[in-house]
N, C-alpha and C. Protein backbone atom coordinates (compact mmCIF):
# COMPACT_ATOMS: atom_id res chain seq x y z
N MET A 1 4.06 8.89 20.40
CA MET A 1 3.07 9.93 20.79
C MET A 1 1.86 9.25 20.05
N LYS A 2 0.73 9.03 20.62
CA LYS A 2 -0.39 8.72 19.78
C LYS A 2 -0.56 9.77 18.77
N LYS A 3 -1.54 9.26 17.62
CA LYS A 3 -1.93 10.28 16.77
C LYS A 3 -3.20 11.30 17.60
N SER A 4 -3.92 11.13 18.45
CA SER A 4 -4.88 11.65 18.94
C SER A 4 -4.19 12.91 19.97
N THR A 5 -3.22 12.34 20.48
CA THR A 5 -2.22 13.32 21.40
C THR A 5 -1.88 14.59 20.27
N ILE A 6 -1.32 13.94 19.24
CA ILE A 6 -0.71 15.16 18.53
C ILE A 6 -1.62 16.01 17.78
N ALA A 7 -2.88 15.25 17.55
CA ALA A 7 -3.91 16.13 17.30
C ALA A 7 -4.26 17.34 18.02
N ILE A 8 -4.66 16.89 19.29
CA ILE A 8 -4.91 17.46 20.54
C ILE A 8 -3.95 18.75 20.95
N ILE A 9 -3.00 18.57 20.56
CA ILE A 9 -1.54 19.58 20.79
C ILE A 9 -1.94 20.76 19.70
N GLY A 10 -1.75 19.96 18.32
CA GLY A 10 -2.18 20.94 17.23
C GLY A 10 -3.20 21.69 17.11
N MET A 11 -4.58 21.11 17.82
CA MET A 11 -5.61 22.06 17.61
C MET A 11 -5.29 23.12 19.11
N THR A 12 -4.65 22.77 20.10
CA THR A 12 -4.56 23.74 21.14
C THR A 12 -3.82 25.18 20.81
N ILE A 13 -2.42 24.62 19.83
CA ILE A 13 -1.81 26.05 19.43
C ILE A 13 -2.61 26.64 18.49
N ALA A 14 -3.68 26.13 17.83
CA ALA A 14 -4.31 26.75 16.61
C ALA A 14 -5.27 27.66 17.44
N VAL A 15 -5.57 27.21 18.19
CA VAL A 15 -6.94 28.14 19.28
C VAL A 15 -6.08 29.11 19.90
N VAL A 16 -4.84 28.94 20.41
CA VAL A 16 -4.05 29.99 21.24
C VAL A 16 -3.51 30.93 20.23
N THR A 17 -3.51 30.47 18.99
CA THR A 17 -2.97 31.53 18.17
C THR A 17 -3.79 32.43 17.54
N ILE A 18 -5.16 31.64 17.21
CA ILE A 18 -6.35 32.56 16.74
C ILE A 18 -6.79 33.72 18.10
N VAL A 19 -6.86 33.33 19.33
CA VAL A 19 -7.12 34.20 20.43
C VAL A 19 -6.07 34.97 20.56
N SER A 20 -4.79 34.61 20.58
CA SER A 20 -3.40 35.86 20.91
C SER A 20 -3.84 37.07 19.74
N THR A 21 -4.11 36.81 18.49
CA THR A 21 -4.24 37.90 17.59
C THR A 21 -5.41 38.57 17.66
N PHE A 22 -6.42 38.54 18.87
CA PHE A 22 -7.19 39.17 19.09
C PHE A 22 -6.82 40.11 20.37
N ILE A 23 -5.99 39.31 21.01
CA ILE A 23 -5.51 40.14 22.04
C ILE A 23 -4.50 41.19 21.78
N LYS A 24 -3.63 40.82 20.97
CA LYS A 24 -2.67 41.63 20.27
C LYS A 24 -3.26 42.67 19.20
N ASP A 25 -2.53 44.03 19.03
CA ASP A 25 -3.10 44.86 18.24
C ASP A 25 -2.12 44.94 16.93
N ASN A 26 -2.26 43.67 16.35
CA ASN A 26 -1.37 43.88 15.09
C ASN A 26 -2.48 43.83 13.77
N ASP A 27 -1.94 44.49 12.64
CA ASP A 27 -2.68 44.70 11.36
C ASP A 27 -2.54 43.44 10.34
N ALA A 28 -1.26 42.74 10.67
CA ALA A 28 -0.98 41.89 10.00
C ALA A 28 -0.31 40.58 10.26
N GLY A 29 -0.23 39.34 9.82
CA GLY A 29 0.25 38.39 10.54
C GLY A 29 1.07 37.99 9.68
N THR A 30 2.22 37.04 10.02
CA THR A 30 3.17 36.57 9.39
C THR A 30 3.17 34.84 9.30
N LEU A 31 3.25 34.47 8.28
CA LEU A 31 3.09 33.14 7.77
C LEU A 31 4.18 32.79 6.38
N PHE A 32 5.04 32.30 7.09
CA PHE A 32 6.21 31.58 6.28
C PHE A 32 7.09 33.01 5.31
N GLY A 33 7.01 33.95 6.47
CA GLY A 33 7.78 34.83 6.02
C GLY A 33 7.22 36.18 5.33
N TYR A 34 6.05 35.77 5.11
CA TYR A 34 5.04 37.01 4.26
C TYR A 34 4.07 37.52 5.17
N GLU A 35 4.15 38.72 4.96
CA GLU A 35 2.96 39.27 5.71
C GLU A 35 1.78 39.33 5.13
N ILE A 36 0.72 39.07 5.94
CA ILE A 36 -0.80 38.78 5.41
C ILE A 36 -1.95 39.57 6.04
N ASP A 37 -2.85 40.01 5.72
CA ASP A 37 -4.09 40.58 6.26
C ASP A 37 -4.41 39.91 7.56
N ILE A 38 -4.66 40.15 8.40
CA ILE A 38 -4.65 39.75 10.00
C ILE A 38 -5.70 38.87 9.94
N TRP A 39 -6.96 39.13 8.95
CA TRP A 39 -8.22 38.38 8.90
C TRP A 39 -7.83 36.78 8.29
N MET A 40 -6.91 37.13 7.09
CA MET A 40 -6.80 35.78 6.17
C MET A 40 -6.04 35.18 6.99
N TYR A 41 -5.04 35.87 7.90
CA TYR A 41 -4.34 35.00 8.94
C TYR A 41 -4.91 33.83 9.75
N ARG A 42 -6.15 34.69 10.53
CA ARG A 42 -7.10 33.97 11.31
C ARG A 42 -7.94 32.68 10.53
N LEU A 43 -8.15 33.26 9.60
CA LEU A 43 -9.06 32.05 8.62
C LEU A 43 -8.13 31.15 8.32
N ILE A 44 -6.90 31.12 7.95
CA ILE A 44 -6.03 30.03 7.50
C ILE A 44 -5.88 29.01 8.99
N TRP A 45 -5.69 29.65 9.96
CA TRP A 45 -5.42 28.85 11.26
C TRP A 45 -6.63 28.30 11.80
N LEU A 46 -8.06 29.06 11.47
CA LEU A 46 -9.24 28.39 11.78
C LEU A 46 -9.38 27.14 10.81
N ALA A 47 -8.80 27.42 9.58
CA ALA A 47 -9.12 26.16 8.49
C ALA A 47 -8.14 25.02 9.20
N LEU A 48 -7.00 25.11 9.15
CA LEU A 48 -6.18 24.19 10.01
C LEU A 48 -6.58 23.79 11.03
N PHE A 49 -7.34 24.45 12.14
CA PHE A 49 -7.85 23.71 13.24
C PHE A 49 -8.97 22.89 12.77
N GLY A 50 -9.78 23.41 11.90
CA GLY A 50 -10.90 22.50 11.40
C GLY A 50 -10.35 21.20 10.80
N VAL A 51 -9.37 21.07 9.99
CA VAL A 51 -8.98 20.11 9.54
C VAL A 51 -8.45 18.99 10.18
N ILE A 52 -7.56 19.47 11.32
CA ILE A 52 -6.96 18.68 12.52
C ILE A 52 -8.11 18.08 13.51
N LEU A 53 -9.34 18.87 13.85
CA LEU A 53 -10.47 18.52 14.39
C LEU A 53 -10.99 17.17 13.45
N ASN A 54 -11.39 17.76 12.10
CA ASN A 54 -12.03 16.67 11.47
C ASN A 54 -11.18 15.11 11.34
N GLY A 55 -10.00 15.29 11.42
CA GLY A 55 -9.14 13.89 11.22
C GLY A 55 -9.07 13.35 12.95
N TYR A 56 -9.13 14.40 13.68
CA TYR A 56 -9.19 13.62 15.23
C TYR A 56 -10.54 13.13 15.25
N LEU A 57 -11.60 13.60 14.89
CA LEU A 57 -12.88 12.97 14.98
C LEU A 57 -12.93 11.59 14.29
N GLN A 58 -12.47 11.56 13.25
CA GLN A 58 -12.62 10.44 12.20
C GLN A 58 -11.76 9.49 13.01
N GLU A 59 -10.48 9.49 13.52
CA GLU A 59 -9.68 8.51 13.96
C GLU A 59 -10.59 8.17 15.14
N ARG A 60 -11.43 9.11 16.11
CA ARG A 60 -12.00 8.43 17.28
C ARG A 60 -13.36 7.52 17.05
N LYS A 61 -13.71 8.13 15.69
CA LYS A 61 -14.87 7.35 15.41
C LYS A 61 -14.68 5.87 15.12
N ASN A 62 -13.17 5.83 14.37
CA ASN A 62 -12.92 4.16 13.99
C ASN A 62 -12.29 3.65 14.83
N THR A 63 -12.50 4.26 16.42
CA THR A 63 -11.53 3.34 17.58
C THR A 63 -12.63 2.57 18.44
């Protein structure tokens, strides 16, 4: 699989995870077995999305 395909899949998973936290009525998210505040959980997933998007845009610019 190409790197760009993996990046798009990763970004999709991040967006779906963020949106699903707004749909579900949870007070905490679970990350690596630890429960953390839902807003911190969303922020971590948003940061992950940003990192993947940045890598995707850099790769796309170089080709």
